């Protein structure tokens, strides 16, 4: 029986993963090995360092890798829809107040797509966009506000405030 290693980070993925595991064995004669890889950097690297064959998670980073020429196959790549929260100081009345200021963006996920949001707000090219390291793929909420006037927070997991 052939083996396919399926990697995941978040426990909420396990119901579908174990369903895939059972269906792979029953209907296709494939052994699905389930691998949990929690650290974000290791998870992202797992397809390229032979730790995993398939990822079950948010895989936005793979679009950039495919654009660089890496061979990647998406079995299911649904349209990405997320709630985005623009975090600003309470005194702000208009987004034009951020012209010449910085907007903090974490490096995980789709950091460069914030340009589209800035374009929609009329701020493209008028706001600095420093990208900061977020080694846990979403735990950098407090550091995102450091040295920035606004932040576009893309929630990945439920966190305590």
N, C-alpha and C. Protein backbone atom coordinates (compact mmCIF):
# COMPACT_ATOMS: atom_id res chain seq x y z
N UNK A 1 0.85 -1.18 0.00
CA UNK A 1 0.00 0.00 0.00
C UNK A 1 0.89 1.24 0.00
N UNK A 2 0.63 2.17 -0.92
CA UNK A 2 1.37 3.42 -0.97
C UNK A 2 1.01 4.28 0.24
N UNK A 3 1.96 5.13 0.65
CA UNK A 3 1.74 6.01 1.80
C UNK A 3 1.81 7.47 1.35
N UNK A 4 0.89 8.28 1.87
CA UNK A 4 0.89 9.72 1.65
C UNK A 4 0.91 10.37 3.03
N UNK A 5 1.87 11.27 3.25
CA UNK A 5 1.97 11.96 4.54
C UNK A 5 1.22 13.29 4.47
N UNK A 6 0.18 13.41 5.30
CA UNK A 6 -0.65 14.60 5.35
C UNK A 6 -0.29 15.38 6.61
N UNK A 7 0.18 16.61 6.44
CA UNK A 7 0.59 17.43 7.58
C UNK A 7 -0.47 18.48 7.88
N UNK A 8 -0.60 18.80 9.17
CA UNK A 8 -1.53 19.84 9.60
C UNK A 8 -0.95 20.54 10.81
N UNK A 9 -1.47 21.73 11.13
CA UNK A 9 -1.03 22.51 12.29
C UNK A 9 -2.10 22.57 13.36
N UNK A 10 -3.34 22.83 12.94
CA UNK A 10 -4.42 23.11 13.89
C UNK A 10 -5.32 21.90 14.08
N UNK A 11 -5.67 21.64 15.34
CA UNK A 11 -6.47 20.46 15.68
C UNK A 11 -7.86 20.47 15.06
N UNK A 12 -8.38 21.64 14.69
CA UNK A 12 -9.71 21.66 14.10
C UNK A 12 -9.75 21.01 12.72
N UNK A 13 -8.59 20.68 12.18
CA UNK A 13 -8.52 20.01 10.88
C UNK A 13 -8.67 18.48 11.01
N UNK A 14 -8.52 17.95 12.21
CA UNK A 14 -8.45 16.49 12.36
C UNK A 14 -9.69 15.74 11.89
N UNK A 15 -10.92 16.23 12.07
CA UNK A 15 -12.06 15.43 11.57
C UNK A 15 -11.96 15.13 10.07
N UNK A 16 -11.66 16.15 9.28
CA UNK A 16 -11.57 15.91 7.84
C UNK A 16 -10.33 15.09 7.49
N UNK A 17 -9.25 15.28 8.23
CA UNK A 17 -8.03 14.52 7.95
C UNK A 17 -8.26 13.04 8.20
N UNK A 18 -8.90 12.70 9.31
CA UNK A 18 -9.12 11.28 9.59
C UNK A 18 -10.18 10.67 8.67
N UNK A 19 -11.06 11.49 8.15
CA UNK A 19 -12.00 11.04 7.14
C UNK A 19 -11.24 10.71 5.85
N UNK A 20 -10.32 11.60 5.46
CA UNK A 20 -9.47 11.36 4.29
C UNK A 20 -8.65 10.09 4.49
N UNK A 21 -8.12 9.90 5.70
CA UNK A 21 -7.31 8.71 6.00
C UNK A 21 -8.12 7.43 5.77
N UNK A 22 -9.33 7.39 6.32
CA UNK A 22 -10.18 6.20 6.17
C UNK A 22 -10.60 5.98 4.73
N UNK A 23 -10.97 7.05 4.03
CA UNK A 23 -11.39 6.92 2.64
C UNK A 23 -10.23 6.49 1.75
N UNK A 24 -9.03 7.01 2.05
CA UNK A 24 -7.84 6.62 1.28
C UNK A 24 -7.57 5.14 1.38
N UNK A 25 -7.68 4.60 2.60
CA UNK A 25 -7.43 3.17 2.81
C UNK A 25 -8.55 2.33 2.20
N UNK A 26 -9.78 2.71 2.47
CA UNK A 26 -10.93 1.89 2.05
C UNK A 26 -11.16 1.89 0.54
N UNK A 27 -11.09 3.07 -0.08
CA UNK A 27 -11.47 3.19 -1.48
C UNK A 27 -10.30 3.24 -2.47
N UNK A 28 -9.10 3.59 -1.99
CA UNK A 28 -8.00 3.78 -2.92
C UNK A 28 -6.75 2.96 -2.59
N UNK A 29 -6.78 2.23 -1.48
CA UNK A 29 -5.62 1.44 -1.10
C UNK A 29 -4.41 2.28 -0.75
N UNK A 30 -4.64 3.45 -0.20
CA UNK A 30 -3.55 4.37 0.18
C UNK A 30 -3.52 4.51 1.68
N UNK A 31 -2.35 4.37 2.26
CA UNK A 31 -2.16 4.61 3.69
C UNK A 31 -1.88 6.09 3.88
N UNK A 32 -2.74 6.78 4.58
CA UNK A 32 -2.54 8.21 4.86
C UNK A 32 -1.94 8.34 6.25
N UNK A 33 -0.68 8.78 6.28
CA UNK A 33 0.02 9.01 7.55
C UNK A 33 -0.26 10.44 7.97
N UNK A 34 -0.81 10.62 9.15
CA UNK A 34 -1.17 11.96 9.65
C UNK A 34 -0.02 12.49 10.50
N UNK A 35 0.47 13.69 10.12
CA UNK A 35 1.62 14.29 10.78
C UNK A 35 1.25 15.69 11.27
N UNK A 36 1.37 15.93 12.58
CA UNK A 36 1.11 17.26 13.11
C UNK A 36 2.45 18.01 13.18
N UNK A 37 2.50 19.19 12.55
CA UNK A 37 3.70 20.03 12.56
C UNK A 37 3.26 21.40 13.03
N UNK A 38 3.48 21.72 14.28
CA UNK A 38 2.96 22.96 14.87
C UNK A 38 3.78 24.21 14.52
N UNK A 39 5.11 24.18 14.64
CA UNK A 39 5.84 25.42 14.34
C UNK A 39 5.63 25.85 12.88
N UNK A 40 5.24 27.11 12.68
CA UNK A 40 4.85 27.58 11.36
C UNK A 40 5.96 27.41 10.32
N UNK A 41 7.18 27.73 10.67
CA UNK A 41 8.29 27.61 9.72
C UNK A 41 8.52 26.17 9.28
N UNK A 42 8.44 25.26 10.24
CA UNK A 42 8.60 23.84 9.91
C UNK A 42 7.45 23.35 9.05
N UNK A 43 6.25 23.84 9.34
CA UNK A 43 5.07 23.46 8.56
C UNK A 43 5.24 23.91 7.11
N UNK A 44 5.62 25.18 6.91
CA UNK A 44 5.81 25.70 5.55
C UNK A 44 6.89 24.94 4.81
N UNK A 45 7.95 24.58 5.50
CA UNK A 45 9.07 23.89 4.86
C UNK A 45 8.79 22.42 4.58
N UNK A 46 7.79 21.85 5.21
CA UNK A 46 7.58 20.40 5.16
C UNK A 46 7.37 19.85 3.75
N UNK A 47 6.77 20.60 2.86
CA UNK A 47 6.60 20.13 1.48
C UNK A 47 7.92 20.09 0.73
N UNK A 48 8.85 20.93 1.13
CA UNK A 48 10.09 21.07 0.38
C UNK A 48 11.26 20.31 1.01
N UNK A 49 11.10 19.83 2.25
CA UNK A 49 12.18 19.07 2.88
C UNK A 49 11.79 17.60 3.08
N UNK A 50 10.75 17.17 2.39
CA UNK A 50 10.30 15.78 2.37
C UNK A 50 9.74 15.31 3.71
N UNK A 51 9.20 16.23 4.52
CA UNK A 51 8.53 15.85 5.77
C UNK A 51 7.05 15.54 5.56
N UNK A 52 6.48 16.07 4.46
CA UNK A 52 5.07 15.87 4.17
C UNK A 52 4.85 15.86 2.66
N UNK A 53 3.77 15.21 2.26
CA UNK A 53 3.39 15.18 0.85
C UNK A 53 2.22 16.12 0.57
N UNK A 54 1.37 16.34 1.58
CA UNK A 54 0.17 17.14 1.44
C UNK A 54 0.01 18.00 2.70
N UNK A 55 -0.46 19.23 2.53
CA UNK A 55 -0.75 20.10 3.67
C UNK A 55 -2.25 20.34 3.75
N UNK A 56 -2.78 20.26 4.95
CA UNK A 56 -4.19 20.59 5.19
C UNK A 56 -4.16 21.82 6.10
N UNK A 57 -4.29 22.98 5.52
CA UNK A 57 -4.25 24.21 6.30
C UNK A 57 -4.35 25.38 5.35
N UNK A 58 -4.20 26.57 5.90
CA UNK A 58 -4.11 27.76 5.06
C UNK A 58 -2.78 27.67 4.34
N UNK A 59 -2.81 27.71 3.04
CA UNK A 59 -1.59 27.50 2.28
C UNK A 59 -1.28 28.69 1.37
N UNK A 60 -1.62 29.88 1.82
CA UNK A 60 -1.41 31.06 0.99
C UNK A 60 0.04 31.21 0.57
N UNK A 61 0.98 30.81 1.42
CA UNK A 61 2.39 30.97 1.10
C UNK A 61 2.78 30.18 -0.14
N UNK A 62 2.01 29.14 -0.48
CA UNK A 62 2.34 28.32 -1.64
C UNK A 62 2.11 29.03 -2.97
N UNK A 63 1.21 30.01 -3.00
CA UNK A 63 1.00 30.75 -4.23
C UNK A 63 2.30 31.46 -4.63
N UNK A 64 2.97 32.06 -3.66
CA UNK A 64 4.24 32.74 -3.94
C UNK A 64 5.31 31.73 -4.35
N UNK A 65 5.33 30.57 -3.72
CA UNK A 65 6.31 29.53 -4.07
C UNK A 65 6.07 29.03 -5.49
N UNK A 66 4.82 28.85 -5.86
CA UNK A 66 4.49 28.42 -7.23
C UNK A 66 4.93 29.48 -8.23
N UNK A 67 4.75 30.75 -7.88
CA UNK A 67 5.17 31.84 -8.77
C UNK A 67 6.68 31.86 -8.94
N UNK A 68 7.42 31.35 -7.96
CA UNK A 68 8.89 31.27 -8.04
C UNK A 68 9.34 30.06 -8.86
N UNK A 69 8.37 29.23 -9.29
CA UNK A 69 8.72 28.09 -10.12
C UNK A 69 8.66 26.74 -9.44
N UNK A 70 8.32 26.70 -8.15
CA UNK A 70 8.21 25.41 -7.47
C UNK A 70 6.96 24.70 -7.96
N UNK A 71 7.07 23.40 -8.19
CA UNK A 71 5.94 22.62 -8.68
C UNK A 71 5.04 22.27 -7.51
N UNK A 72 3.82 22.79 -7.56
CA UNK A 72 2.85 22.61 -6.48
C UNK A 72 1.50 22.28 -7.10
N UNK A 73 0.82 21.32 -6.53
CA UNK A 73 -0.52 20.97 -6.98
C UNK A 73 -1.49 21.24 -5.84
N UNK A 74 -2.54 21.99 -6.15
CA UNK A 74 -3.60 22.25 -5.19
C UNK A 74 -4.74 21.29 -5.48
N UNK A 75 -5.06 20.43 -4.53
CA UNK A 75 -6.20 19.54 -4.70
C UNK A 75 -7.49 20.32 -4.52
N UNK A 76 -7.49 21.20 -3.57
CA UNK A 76 -8.66 22.01 -3.29
C UNK A 76 -8.13 23.35 -2.80
N UNK A 77 -8.31 24.36 -3.58
CA UNK A 77 -7.86 25.69 -3.19
C UNK A 77 -9.06 26.63 -3.25
N UNK A 78 -9.88 26.60 -2.21
CA UNK A 78 -11.08 27.45 -2.22
C UNK A 78 -10.71 28.92 -2.22
N UNK A 79 -11.65 29.72 -2.62
CA UNK A 79 -11.46 31.16 -2.59
C UNK A 79 -11.19 31.58 -1.15
N UNK A 80 -10.19 32.36 -0.96
CA UNK A 80 -9.80 32.78 0.38
C UNK A 80 -10.67 33.95 0.81
N UNK A 81 -11.44 33.73 1.85
CA UNK A 81 -12.28 34.79 2.40
C UNK A 81 -12.03 34.82 3.89
N UNK A 82 -11.66 35.95 4.39
CA UNK A 82 -11.38 36.09 5.81
C UNK A 82 -11.92 37.42 6.28
N UNK A 83 -12.21 37.45 7.54
CA UNK A 83 -12.54 38.73 8.14
C UNK A 83 -11.26 39.49 8.41
N UNK A 84 -11.22 40.72 8.03
CA UNK A 84 -10.04 41.55 8.28
C UNK A 84 -10.44 42.67 9.21
N UNK A 85 -9.61 42.92 10.19
CA UNK A 85 -9.88 43.99 11.13
C UNK A 85 -8.80 45.05 10.98
N UNK A 86 -9.20 46.27 10.69
CA UNK A 86 -8.27 47.38 10.63
C UNK A 86 -8.18 47.94 12.04
N UNK A 87 -7.00 47.84 12.64
CA UNK A 87 -6.79 48.30 14.01
C UNK A 87 -6.13 49.67 13.99
N UNK A 88 -6.79 50.66 14.54
CA UNK A 88 -6.28 52.02 14.56
C UNK A 88 -6.53 52.64 15.93
N UNK A 89 -5.81 53.70 16.26
CA UNK A 89 -6.10 54.40 17.52
C UNK A 89 -7.52 54.96 17.53
N UNK A 90 -8.09 55.12 18.71
CA UNK A 90 -9.48 55.56 18.87
C UNK A 90 -9.76 56.93 18.25
N UNK A 91 -8.77 57.80 18.23
CA UNK A 91 -9.00 59.17 17.76
C UNK A 91 -9.12 59.29 16.24
N UNK A 92 -8.84 58.23 15.50
CA UNK A 92 -8.84 58.29 14.03
C UNK A 92 -10.26 58.44 13.50
N UNK A 93 -10.43 59.41 12.60
CA UNK A 93 -11.75 59.62 11.99
C UNK A 93 -11.75 59.30 10.50
N UNK A 94 -10.57 59.30 9.84
CA UNK A 94 -10.50 59.07 8.41
C UNK A 94 -9.17 58.39 8.09
N UNK A 95 -9.20 57.44 7.15
CA UNK A 95 -7.97 56.71 6.82
C UNK A 95 -6.91 57.63 6.21
N UNK A 96 -7.29 58.79 5.71
CA UNK A 96 -6.31 59.72 5.15
C UNK A 96 -5.31 60.20 6.21
N UNK A 97 -5.65 60.03 7.47
CA UNK A 97 -4.74 60.42 8.55
C UNK A 97 -3.49 59.55 8.57
N UNK A 98 -3.47 58.45 7.82
CA UNK A 98 -2.33 57.54 7.84
C UNK A 98 -1.34 57.76 6.71
N UNK A 99 -1.61 58.74 5.87
CA UNK A 99 -0.66 59.06 4.80
C UNK A 99 0.67 59.44 5.44
N UNK A 100 1.74 58.79 4.96
CA UNK A 100 3.08 59.02 5.50
C UNK A 100 3.41 58.21 6.73
N UNK A 101 2.49 57.40 7.21
CA UNK A 101 2.71 56.57 8.40
C UNK A 101 3.00 55.13 7.98
N UNK A 102 3.16 54.25 8.96
CA UNK A 102 3.45 52.84 8.71
C UNK A 102 2.28 51.94 9.08
N UNK A 103 2.12 50.86 8.34
CA UNK A 103 1.13 49.83 8.63
C UNK A 103 1.89 48.53 8.84
N UNK A 104 1.78 47.95 10.04
CA UNK A 104 2.50 46.72 10.35
C UNK A 104 1.79 45.53 9.72
N UNK A 105 2.57 44.63 9.14
CA UNK A 105 2.03 43.42 8.52
C UNK A 105 2.92 42.25 8.92
N UNK A 106 2.28 41.16 9.38
CA UNK A 106 3.06 39.98 9.74
C UNK A 106 3.51 39.23 8.48
N UNK A 107 4.58 38.47 8.57
CA UNK A 107 5.16 37.83 7.40
C UNK A 107 4.49 36.52 7.01
N UNK A 108 3.62 35.96 7.84
CA UNK A 108 2.97 34.70 7.50
C UNK A 108 1.70 34.96 6.69
N UNK A 109 1.28 33.96 5.95
CA UNK A 109 0.07 34.11 5.15
C UNK A 109 0.34 34.85 3.87
N UNK A 110 -0.39 35.94 3.63
CA UNK A 110 -0.29 36.70 2.39
C UNK A 110 0.10 38.14 2.68
N UNK A 111 1.33 38.39 3.12
CA UNK A 111 1.66 39.75 3.54
C UNK A 111 1.57 40.79 2.42
N UNK A 112 1.83 40.40 1.19
CA UNK A 112 1.85 41.40 0.12
C UNK A 112 0.46 41.72 -0.44
N UNK A 113 -0.54 40.95 -0.06
CA UNK A 113 -1.88 41.24 -0.55
C UNK A 113 -2.51 42.44 0.14
N UNK A 114 -1.89 42.92 1.21
CA UNK A 114 -2.44 44.11 1.88
C UNK A 114 -2.40 45.31 0.95
N UNK A 115 -1.56 45.25 -0.08
CA UNK A 115 -1.52 46.33 -1.06
C UNK A 115 -2.90 46.55 -1.67
N UNK A 116 -3.63 45.46 -1.89
CA UNK A 116 -4.98 45.60 -2.45
C UNK A 116 -5.91 46.34 -1.49
N UNK A 117 -5.76 46.06 -0.20
CA UNK A 117 -6.58 46.77 0.79
C UNK A 117 -6.19 48.24 0.85
N UNK A 118 -4.89 48.52 0.78
CA UNK A 118 -4.46 49.92 0.77
C UNK A 118 -4.98 50.63 -0.48
N UNK A 119 -4.97 49.93 -1.60
CA UNK A 119 -5.49 50.51 -2.85
C UNK A 119 -6.96 50.86 -2.69
N UNK A 120 -7.73 49.94 -2.10
CA UNK A 120 -9.17 50.18 -1.90
C UNK A 120 -9.41 51.40 -1.01
N UNK A 121 -8.50 51.66 -0.08
CA UNK A 121 -8.66 52.79 0.84
C UNK A 121 -8.00 54.06 0.29
N UNK A 122 -7.41 53.97 -0.90
CA UNK A 122 -6.75 55.13 -1.48
C UNK A 122 -5.40 55.43 -0.84
N UNK A 123 -4.78 54.44 -0.22
CA UNK A 123 -3.52 54.66 0.50
C UNK A 123 -2.31 53.96 -0.14
N UNK A 124 -2.50 53.31 -1.27
CA UNK A 124 -1.38 52.60 -1.91
C UNK A 124 -0.25 53.57 -2.24
N UNK A 125 0.95 53.22 -1.81
CA UNK A 125 2.12 54.06 -2.04
C UNK A 125 2.21 55.25 -1.10
N UNK A 126 1.23 55.43 -0.25
CA UNK A 126 1.20 56.55 0.68
C UNK A 126 1.44 56.13 2.12
N UNK A 127 1.46 54.81 2.34
CA UNK A 127 1.64 54.25 3.68
C UNK A 127 2.79 53.25 3.62
N UNK A 128 3.73 53.34 4.58
CA UNK A 128 4.80 52.35 4.66
C UNK A 128 4.24 51.02 5.12
N UNK A 129 4.82 49.92 4.64
CA UNK A 129 4.31 48.59 4.99
C UNK A 129 5.48 47.71 5.46
N UNK A 130 5.98 47.95 6.68
CA UNK A 130 7.03 47.06 7.20
C UNK A 130 6.46 45.69 7.52
N UNK A 131 7.15 44.65 7.07
CA UNK A 131 6.71 43.29 7.32
C UNK A 131 7.55 42.74 8.46
N UNK A 132 6.89 42.28 9.54
CA UNK A 132 7.61 41.80 10.70
C UNK A 132 7.52 40.29 10.81
N UNK A 133 8.53 39.69 11.40
CA UNK A 133 8.59 38.24 11.60
C UNK A 133 7.52 37.82 12.57
N UNK A 134 6.82 36.77 12.23
CA UNK A 134 5.77 36.20 13.08
C UNK A 134 6.01 34.69 13.12
N UNK A 135 6.97 34.24 13.93
CA UNK A 135 7.40 32.85 13.90
C UNK A 135 6.32 31.82 14.22
N UNK A 136 5.27 32.20 14.93
CA UNK A 136 4.23 31.24 15.27
C UNK A 136 3.03 31.34 14.34
N UNK A 137 3.14 32.13 13.27
CA UNK A 137 2.06 32.22 12.30
C UNK A 137 0.78 32.81 12.85
N UNK A 138 0.91 33.81 13.73
CA UNK A 138 -0.32 34.44 14.19
C UNK A 138 -0.27 34.92 15.61
N UNK A 139 0.84 34.75 16.30
CA UNK A 139 0.88 35.16 17.70
C UNK A 139 1.47 36.55 17.88
N UNK A 140 1.78 37.26 16.80
CA UNK A 140 2.47 38.53 16.91
C UNK A 140 1.57 39.74 17.07
N UNK A 141 0.38 39.57 17.61
CA UNK A 141 -0.57 40.67 17.71
C UNK A 141 0.04 41.87 18.42
N UNK A 142 0.69 41.67 19.55
CA UNK A 142 1.23 42.80 20.29
C UNK A 142 2.39 43.45 19.55
N UNK A 143 3.28 42.65 18.94
CA UNK A 143 4.43 43.23 18.25
C UNK A 143 4.02 43.94 16.97
N UNK A 144 2.84 43.62 16.43
CA UNK A 144 2.42 44.26 15.18
C UNK A 144 2.20 45.75 15.35
N UNK A 145 1.82 46.18 16.53
CA UNK A 145 1.54 47.60 16.75
C UNK A 145 2.80 48.41 17.05
N UNK A 146 3.88 47.72 17.33
CA UNK A 146 5.13 48.39 17.65
C UNK A 146 5.63 49.15 16.43
N UNK A 147 5.94 50.42 16.55
CA UNK A 147 6.44 51.27 15.47
C UNK A 147 5.48 51.39 14.30
N UNK A 148 4.20 51.21 14.52
CA UNK A 148 3.23 51.33 13.44
C UNK A 148 2.06 52.19 13.89
N UNK A 149 1.43 52.83 12.92
CA UNK A 149 0.27 53.66 13.22
C UNK A 149 -1.03 52.89 13.03
N UNK A 150 -1.01 51.88 12.19
CA UNK A 150 -2.19 51.05 11.97
C UNK A 150 -1.75 49.64 11.63
N UNK A 151 -2.66 48.71 11.80
CA UNK A 151 -2.35 47.31 11.49
C UNK A 151 -3.60 46.67 10.90
N UNK A 152 -3.40 45.88 9.86
CA UNK A 152 -4.49 45.09 9.30
C UNK A 152 -4.29 43.70 9.86
N UNK A 153 -5.17 43.33 10.78
CA UNK A 153 -5.01 42.06 11.49
C UNK A 153 -5.84 41.01 10.80
N UNK A 154 -5.20 39.93 10.38
CA UNK A 154 -5.89 38.82 9.74
C UNK A 154 -5.92 37.69 10.74
N UNK A 155 -7.03 37.48 11.43
CA UNK A 155 -7.07 36.44 12.46
C UNK A 155 -6.96 35.05 11.85
N UNK A 156 -6.05 34.22 12.37
CA UNK A 156 -5.87 32.86 11.91
C UNK A 156 -6.47 31.87 12.89
N UNK A 157 -6.30 32.16 14.16
CA UNK A 157 -6.80 31.26 15.18
C UNK A 157 -7.45 32.09 16.27
N UNK A 158 -8.27 31.46 17.07
CA UNK A 158 -8.87 32.17 18.20
C UNK A 158 -7.81 32.39 19.25
N UNK A 159 -7.70 33.61 19.73
CA UNK A 159 -6.72 33.95 20.74
C UNK A 159 -7.40 34.74 21.83
N UNK A 160 -6.85 34.65 23.01
CA UNK A 160 -7.39 35.48 24.08
C UNK A 160 -6.94 36.91 23.86
N UNK A 161 -7.75 37.90 24.23
CA UNK A 161 -7.39 39.31 23.97
C UNK A 161 -6.20 39.74 24.79
